[in-house]
Amino acid sequence: MEPVNVAIIYYSSTGTVHALAQAAAEGAEKAGAHVRLRKVAETAPPEAINTRPEWVEHLKDTADITQAAHDDLEWADAVLFGAPTRFGNPAGQLRAFIDTTGPLWAQGKLADKVYSAFTASNTTHGGQESTILALANTFYHWGGIVVPPGYTDPIQFQSGNPYGASHVVGDGAPGEVTLAAARYQARRVADITAALKSGRAA
C-alpha cells in the first residue's frame, strides 16, 4: 500500500506553534507518511505585527514555507491543524483559512479523513483544551475521524494533554517533552490513517 499523505497546516505568530508543527512533521515522516508542512496566510495588519519584534522576525524566518491551499486538504489522508489560542478559540488566521473550505465540504471532499489538532497559550489555563475542542467542532461538520493522542504513550503522562500537543509560552520555548508529544501525536495519526487506508483497500 502507498504511504499515507499527512498535511500539517498551522498558524504561528512568533514561532511556538511553528516548532510544534515541525515536530509533528518529523513524527509523521518517521511513521512513513508523505508530509506537507503548510502555513496559513498572515492576516494581521502591519501596525499590529510591528509592535512585536519576534513576530516580525518569525515572518521573515518562515517566508520560504509554502502557504496552505485547498489542494493540500484534497491531497491529504490526514490533517493536523495547529494554532495558538485566542480567547479560548483558534487564532483568526487559521479560522480564516478553514472558513474558505465550504466548497470542498459541499463536495464531500473533507469527509472520512483523519483530523487532529495542537495549540499553545501564554498561560497554563489559557484555553488550550477549548481551542482544540473548537477545532474538533469543524472536524465533526466535515465528517472527519478525530484522532487525539489520548494517554496512549508514556510521553502523554509527561505532557499531560490527551486532547493534543500543547505548550505554555510563558515557560519559554517548547522543550523536548512537548516536542516529543507533538511527534507522537503525528505518528499516531499516521499509523491510524494507514490502518484505515489499508482496511478500505481490502
Protein backbone atom coordinates (compact mmCIF):
# COMPACT_ATOMS: atom_id res chain seq x y z
CA MET A 1 0.00 0.00 0.00
CA GLU A 2 1.16 3.54 -0.71
CA PRO A 3 2.21 5.67 2.27
CA VAL A 4 -0.44 7.94 3.75
CA ASN A 5 -0.45 11.65 2.96
CA VAL A 6 -0.36 13.89 6.02
CA ALA A 7 -0.84 17.66 5.81
CA ILE A 8 0.21 19.79 8.76
CA ILE A 9 -1.50 23.16 8.46
CA TYR A 10 -0.75 25.77 11.07
CA TYR A 11 -0.59 29.40 12.07
CA SER A 12 2.16 30.80 14.27
CA SER A 13 2.90 34.43 15.06
CA THR A 14 6.16 34.16 17.00
CA GLY A 15 7.30 30.59 16.39
CA THR A 16 5.91 28.39 19.15
CA VAL A 17 3.23 26.64 17.10
CA HIS A 18 5.68 26.54 14.18
CA ALA A 19 8.05 24.49 16.38
CA LEU A 20 5.21 22.10 17.25
CA ALA A 21 4.29 21.82 13.56
CA GLN A 22 7.87 20.96 12.63
CA ALA A 23 7.99 18.30 15.34
CA ALA A 24 4.69 16.88 14.08
CA ALA A 25 6.12 16.73 10.56
CA GLU A 26 9.10 14.79 11.89
CA GLY A 27 6.81 12.34 13.68
CA ALA A 28 4.65 11.71 10.63
CA GLU A 29 7.69 11.26 8.39
CA LYS A 30 9.21 8.74 10.79
CA ALA A 31 5.93 6.82 10.59
CA GLY A 32 6.48 6.58 6.83
CA ALA A 33 4.00 9.24 5.72
CA HIS A 34 4.36 11.72 2.90
CA VAL A 35 4.14 15.12 4.63
CA ARG A 36 3.24 18.63 3.57
CA LEU A 37 4.05 21.34 6.12
CA ARG A 38 1.94 24.39 5.33
CA LYS A 39 1.36 27.75 7.00
CA VAL A 40 -1.79 29.80 6.58
CA ALA A 41 -1.73 33.40 5.43
CA GLU A 42 -0.94 36.15 7.90
CA THR A 43 -3.94 38.47 8.09
CA ALA A 44 -2.85 40.78 10.91
CA PRO A 45 -2.13 44.37 9.83
CA PRO A 46 1.50 45.55 9.75
CA GLU A 47 0.87 48.01 12.59
CA ALA A 48 -0.01 45.07 14.86
CA ILE A 49 2.87 42.88 13.68
CA ASN A 50 5.39 45.68 14.09
CA THR A 51 4.60 46.04 17.80
CA ARG A 52 6.43 42.76 18.46
CA PRO A 53 9.94 42.27 17.04
CA GLU A 54 9.69 38.49 17.45
CA TRP A 55 6.58 38.49 15.26
CA VAL A 56 8.39 40.42 12.54
CA GLU A 57 11.38 38.09 12.80
CA HIS A 58 9.26 34.94 12.61
CA LEU A 59 7.57 36.13 9.43
CA LYS A 60 11.00 36.59 7.86
CA ASP A 61 12.29 33.24 9.13
CA THR A 62 9.34 31.31 7.67
CA ALA A 63 8.97 33.19 4.39
CA ASP A 64 10.02 30.08 2.44
CA ILE A 65 7.28 27.82 3.87
CA THR A 66 4.50 27.18 1.37
CA GLN A 67 1.14 28.72 2.13
CA ALA A 68 -1.75 26.31 2.70
CA ALA A 69 -4.20 25.78 -0.14
CA HIS A 70 -7.33 23.71 -0.72
CA ASP A 71 -5.23 21.28 -2.75
CA ASP A 72 -3.38 20.32 0.43
CA LEU A 73 -6.65 19.24 2.05
CA GLU A 74 -7.73 17.26 -1.01
CA TRP A 75 -4.32 15.56 -1.22
CA ALA A 76 -4.21 14.59 2.44
CA ASP A 77 -5.47 11.38 4.01
CA ALA A 78 -4.96 13.06 7.40
CA VAL A 79 -4.61 16.67 8.54
CA LEU A 80 -3.17 18.10 11.74
CA PHE A 81 -4.15 21.70 12.40
CA GLY A 82 -2.17 23.91 14.75
CA ALA A 83 -2.86 27.40 16.07
CA PRO A 84 -2.28 29.46 19.19
CA THR A 85 -5.34 30.02 21.34
CA ARG A 86 -7.08 33.37 21.15
CA PHE A 87 -9.64 33.83 23.93
CA GLY A 88 -10.16 30.06 24.05
CA ASN A 89 -10.52 29.68 20.29
CA PRO A 90 -8.11 29.04 17.41
CA ALA A 91 -6.33 32.13 16.12
CA GLY A 92 -8.31 34.00 13.49
CA GLN A 93 -5.70 33.39 10.80
CA LEU A 94 -6.33 29.63 10.90
CA ARG A 95 -10.10 30.15 11.16
CA ALA A 96 -9.95 32.40 8.08
CA PHE A 97 -8.41 29.54 6.10
CA ILE A 98 -10.89 26.99 7.43
CA ASP A 99 -13.78 29.31 6.60
CA THR A 100 -12.82 29.19 2.90
CA THR A 101 -13.28 25.41 2.71
CA GLY A 102 -17.05 25.43 2.20
CA PRO A 103 -16.84 24.34 -1.46
CA LEU A 104 -14.70 21.32 -0.53
CA TRP A 105 -17.11 20.42 2.27
CA ALA A 106 -20.10 20.74 -0.05
CA GLN A 107 -18.50 18.26 -2.45
CA GLY A 108 -17.74 15.79 0.34
CA LYS A 109 -14.02 16.16 -0.19
CA LEU A 110 -13.25 16.70 3.51
CA ALA A 111 -15.19 13.68 4.79
CA ASP A 112 -13.65 10.42 6.03
CA LYS A 113 -10.21 11.90 6.57
CA VAL A 114 -8.37 11.75 9.89
CA TYR A 115 -8.02 15.04 11.80
CA SER A 116 -6.14 16.13 14.91
CA ALA A 117 -5.07 19.45 16.46
CA PHE A 118 -2.39 21.12 18.59
CA THR A 119 -2.03 24.53 20.20
CA ALA A 120 -0.19 26.91 22.52
CA SER A 121 -1.22 29.59 25.01
CA ASN A 122 0.54 32.23 27.07
CA THR A 123 -0.59 30.79 30.40
CA THR A 124 -1.27 27.36 31.87
CA HIS A 125 -5.04 27.78 31.83
CA GLY A 126 -5.12 29.92 28.72
CA GLY A 127 -7.65 27.95 26.69
CA GLN A 128 -5.63 25.08 25.25
CA GLU A 129 -8.31 22.41 25.64
CA SER A 130 -11.13 24.67 24.44
CA THR A 131 -9.09 25.64 21.37
CA ILE A 132 -8.53 22.01 20.37
CA LEU A 133 -12.18 21.17 21.08
CA ALA A 134 -13.28 24.17 18.99
CA LEU A 135 -11.28 22.82 16.05
CA ALA A 136 -12.88 19.42 16.59
CA ASN A 137 -16.30 21.03 16.05
CA THR A 138 -15.20 21.75 12.50
CA PHE A 139 -13.97 18.18 12.02
CA TYR A 140 -17.38 16.88 13.09
CA HIS A 141 -19.11 19.05 10.48
CA TRP A 142 -16.73 17.78 7.83
CA GLY A 143 -17.48 14.16 8.71
CA GLY A 144 -13.90 13.62 9.79
CA ILE A 145 -12.39 10.97 12.01
CA VAL A 146 -10.93 12.73 15.06
CA VAL A 147 -7.77 11.12 16.44
CA PRO A 148 -6.39 12.60 19.69
CA PRO A 149 -3.19 11.39 21.31
CA GLY A 150 -5.03 10.36 24.48
CA TYR A 151 -2.94 8.66 27.15
CA THR A 152 -1.68 6.05 24.72
CA ASP A 153 2.05 6.55 25.15
CA PRO A 154 4.32 7.26 28.15
CA ILE A 155 5.13 10.73 26.78
CA GLN A 156 1.48 11.69 27.28
CA PHE A 157 1.77 11.25 31.01
CA GLN A 158 4.60 13.80 30.94
CA SER A 159 2.98 16.29 28.59
CA GLY A 160 -0.40 15.90 30.26
CA ASN A 161 -2.73 16.85 27.42
CA PRO A 162 -4.80 14.00 25.92
CA TYR A 163 -6.55 16.39 23.51
CA GLY A 164 -3.44 17.32 21.53
CA ALA A 165 0.09 18.58 21.90
CA SER A 166 0.23 21.98 23.60
CA HIS A 167 2.70 24.41 25.12
CA VAL A 168 2.64 27.25 27.64
CA VAL A 169 4.57 30.10 26.02
CA GLY A 170 5.23 31.72 29.38
CA ASP A 171 7.51 28.78 30.20
CA GLY A 172 9.82 29.61 27.29
CA ALA A 173 10.40 27.77 24.02
CA PRO A 174 8.93 24.26 23.65
CA GLY A 175 11.15 21.69 25.36
CA GLU A 176 11.81 18.09 24.47
CA VAL A 177 8.74 16.72 26.27
CA THR A 178 6.39 19.00 24.31
CA LEU A 179 8.15 18.33 21.01
CA ALA A 180 8.15 14.59 21.66
CA ALA A 181 4.41 14.78 22.35
CA ALA A 182 3.86 16.55 19.02
CA ARG A 183 5.94 13.90 17.23
CA TYR A 184 3.97 11.15 18.93
CA GLN A 185 0.62 12.71 18.08
CA ALA A 186 1.51 12.91 14.39
CA ARG A 187 2.91 9.39 14.41
CA ARG A 188 -0.31 8.09 15.96
CA VAL A 189 -2.36 9.98 13.35
CA ALA A 190 -0.24 8.49 10.54
CA ASP A 191 -0.44 4.96 11.95
CA ILE A 192 -4.22 5.03 12.41
CA THR A 193 -4.69 6.58 8.99
CA ALA A 194 -2.57 3.83 7.46
CA ALA A 195 -4.72 1.19 9.16
CA LEU A 196 -7.89 2.84 7.86
CA LYS A 197 -6.47 3.18 4.36
CA SER A 198 -5.38 -0.46 4.37
CA GLY A 199 -8.83 -1.58 5.54
CA ARG A 200 -10.55 0.40 2.82
CA ALA A 201 -8.24 -1.03 0.18
CA ALA A 202 -9.08 -4.55 1.35
